[in-house]
Structure formats: structure tokens, C-alpha cells
């Protein structure tokens, strides 16, 4: 009984800490965006979705974003090009790069070189909220 109360209280505190953190999930895969929302919203994050880099840039201009989860491989414009632009235009916004591509390790290493604050293979999606907590210093 004590453990359950402690766990519930801990979850409430975590949600309260993140209440004002807005995260933009940029991925052409609608199922991944939905999964990210399902993981992040219960933790108190406000989630905005974008299915392309163009939509991402429009969303950032329209509202304040604390962090961006950016897929490195998208059909219209790749994440490498987008990351470079995002870091120039919005240097204080944290960027967590993700990839599920065959060469995801290579893409994620390049993203670190280009200034990504963290990177995550899509197979490790369960760590998404914890990774955002770290890069946002929550």
C-alpha cells in the first residue's frame, strides 16, 4: 500500500514539473507521433505534432516550444538539414533526434555532431519522457 501511494505521488510530482513544457514531435509517421503523445501527455508534457519540416517550422513560429523531437529520415526534407536550420534559428530550443532507419546509428551520430541535445533510437521509445526530462533539466 505504501509503495502504491509513493508511486502515485511521484507520478503527480513529475506531471506537475512538466506541466508547462511544450514538445513538438516532428515525424512523417503518424503512428509514431501518436505513440509519442501517448507517452508524453500523461507525464505532463503538452504535445504538438508536425508531419514535415515545413509544418515544424510553422509550428515553432506559431507557438513557443521547449523541445523538439525530430525524426532524422523524412521524405520531404531530412532531419540533418532541418537540425542544422533549427539550431541556427532557435539555438535555445532543445532538440532530441530519433531514428528507426536501417542506418539509424549513423544518423544519430551525425545529429550529435550537428548539435542535437540528445538522440534516441525509435526502438527505445519507452525512454522518451525520461530523455526529455534530462535535456530540459526537469
Protein backbone atom coordinates (compact mmCIF):
# COMPACT_ATOMS: atom_id res chain seq x y z
CA UNK A 1 0.00 0.00 0.00
CA UNK A 2 2.78 2.45 0.90
CA UNK A 3 4.59 1.75 -2.36
CA UNK A 4 1.47 2.46 -4.40
CA UNK A 5 0.88 5.78 -2.63
CA UNK A 6 4.53 6.76 -3.10
CA UNK A 7 4.47 5.84 -6.80
CA UNK A 8 1.25 7.80 -7.41
CA UNK A 9 2.63 10.81 -5.57
CA UNK A 10 5.87 10.60 -7.57
CA UNK A 11 3.93 10.49 -10.86
CA UNK A 12 1.88 13.52 -9.81
CA UNK A 13 5.04 15.45 -8.98
CA UNK A 14 6.60 14.56 -12.32
CA UNK A 15 3.47 15.67 -14.15
CA UNK A 16 3.41 18.92 -12.20
CA UNK A 17 7.07 19.60 -13.04
CA UNK A 18 6.44 19.18 -16.78
CA UNK A 19 3.11 20.99 -16.89
CA UNK A 20 4.47 23.88 -18.88
CA UNK A 21 6.91 22.04 -21.16
CA UNK A 22 5.76 22.04 -24.77
CA UNK A 23 7.21 19.42 -27.08
CA UNK A 24 6.96 19.40 -30.86
CA UNK A 25 7.06 15.88 -32.34
CA UNK A 26 8.25 16.00 -35.96
CA UNK A 27 7.84 12.71 -37.79
CA UNK A 28 6.20 11.68 -41.06
CA UNK A 29 4.96 8.50 -39.31
CA UNK A 30 1.56 9.31 -37.79
CA UNK A 31 1.71 6.18 -35.62
CA UNK A 32 4.98 7.27 -34.01
CA UNK A 33 3.55 10.74 -33.36
CA UNK A 34 0.52 9.16 -31.69
CA UNK A 35 2.75 6.88 -29.63
CA UNK A 36 4.90 9.82 -28.51
CA UNK A 37 1.75 11.72 -27.48
CA UNK A 38 0.53 8.68 -25.53
CA UNK A 39 3.84 8.51 -23.66
CA UNK A 40 4.35 12.23 -23.05
CA UNK A 41 0.93 13.66 -22.18
CA UNK A 42 0.43 11.55 -19.03
CA UNK A 43 3.83 12.87 -17.88
CA UNK A 44 2.53 16.44 -18.16
CA UNK A 45 4.03 17.48 -21.49
CA UNK A 46 1.96 19.49 -23.94
CA UNK A 47 2.44 17.84 -27.35
CA UNK A 48 2.26 19.50 -30.75
CA UNK A 49 2.61 17.36 -33.87
CA UNK A 50 4.18 18.08 -37.26
CA UNK A 51 4.39 15.66 -40.18
CA UNK A 52 7.12 17.53 -42.06
CA UNK A 53 9.93 20.03 -41.59
CA UNK A 54 7.80 22.78 -43.18
CA UNK A 55 4.99 22.09 -40.69
CA UNK A 56 7.58 22.04 -37.90
CA UNK A 57 8.89 25.49 -38.79
CA UNK A 58 5.36 26.88 -39.00
CA UNK A 59 4.50 25.40 -35.59
CA UNK A 60 7.59 26.93 -33.97
CA UNK A 61 6.71 30.35 -35.36
CA UNK A 62 3.13 29.98 -34.07
CA UNK A 63 3.88 28.90 -30.50
CA UNK A 64 6.70 28.64 -28.00
CA UNK A 65 8.30 25.20 -27.98
CA UNK A 66 10.63 23.95 -25.25
CA UNK A 67 11.87 20.86 -27.09
CA UNK A 68 11.64 19.25 -30.50
CA UNK A 69 11.65 15.53 -31.14
CA UNK A 70 12.97 15.33 -34.70
CA UNK A 71 12.96 12.25 -36.93
CA UNK A 72 16.19 12.14 -38.92
CA UNK A 73 14.73 10.43 -42.01
CA UNK A 74 11.68 12.01 -43.65
CA UNK A 75 10.60 12.10 -47.29
CA UNK A 76 10.36 15.84 -47.95
CA UNK A 77 13.42 17.12 -46.14
CA UNK A 78 15.79 15.12 -43.98
CA UNK A 79 16.38 15.71 -40.31
CA UNK A 80 20.05 16.55 -40.81
CA UNK A 81 19.18 19.60 -42.89
CA UNK A 82 16.34 20.51 -40.51
CA UNK A 83 18.52 20.16 -37.40
CA UNK A 84 21.12 22.49 -38.84
CA UNK A 85 18.45 25.11 -39.59
CA UNK A 86 16.71 24.71 -36.23
CA UNK A 87 19.95 25.19 -34.29
CA UNK A 88 20.66 28.41 -36.21
CA UNK A 89 17.15 29.86 -35.93
CA UNK A 90 16.29 28.59 -32.42
CA UNK A 91 19.56 27.89 -30.60
CA UNK A 92 17.96 27.69 -27.15
CA UNK A 93 15.33 25.13 -28.13
CA UNK A 94 16.37 21.62 -27.15
CA UNK A 95 16.37 19.01 -29.90
CA UNK A 96 16.08 15.27 -29.35
CA UNK A 97 16.74 13.39 -32.58
CA UNK A 98 15.19 10.00 -33.26
CA UNK A 99 15.58 7.41 -35.98
CA UNK A 100 14.28 3.97 -36.80
CA UNK A 101 16.01 3.73 -40.17
CA UNK A 102 18.38 0.92 -41.12
CA UNK A 103 21.40 3.19 -40.56
CA UNK A 104 19.91 4.92 -37.52
CA UNK A 105 23.16 4.76 -35.55
CA UNK A 106 24.92 6.76 -38.26
CA UNK A 107 22.12 9.34 -38.48
CA UNK A 108 22.08 9.78 -34.71
CA UNK A 109 25.88 10.21 -34.55
CA UNK A 110 25.71 12.89 -37.24
CA UNK A 111 22.91 14.62 -35.33
CA UNK A 112 25.09 14.78 -32.21
CA UNK A 113 27.84 16.37 -34.27
CA UNK A 114 25.36 18.95 -35.59
CA UNK A 115 24.24 19.97 -32.11
CA UNK A 116 21.37 17.69 -31.10
CA UNK A 117 20.96 17.77 -27.34
CA UNK A 118 20.25 14.03 -27.25
CA UNK A 119 19.36 11.18 -29.59
CA UNK A 120 17.30 8.06 -29.32
CA UNK A 121 16.69 5.02 -31.48
CA UNK A 122 12.96 4.50 -32.02
CA UNK A 123 13.27 1.02 -30.51
CA UNK A 124 13.99 2.78 -27.20
CA UNK A 125 10.83 4.91 -27.29
CA UNK A 126 9.96 3.94 -23.70
CA UNK A 127 12.80 6.25 -22.61
CA UNK A 128 11.37 9.27 -24.43
CA UNK A 129 9.92 11.12 -21.42
CA UNK A 130 12.98 10.45 -19.27
CA UNK A 131 15.27 11.75 -22.03
CA UNK A 132 13.21 14.94 -22.30
CA UNK A 133 13.35 15.37 -18.52
CA UNK A 134 17.15 15.26 -18.78
CA UNK A 135 17.62 17.68 -21.66
CA UNK A 136 15.04 20.13 -20.26
CA UNK A 137 16.58 19.84 -16.78
CA UNK A 138 13.21 19.00 -15.18
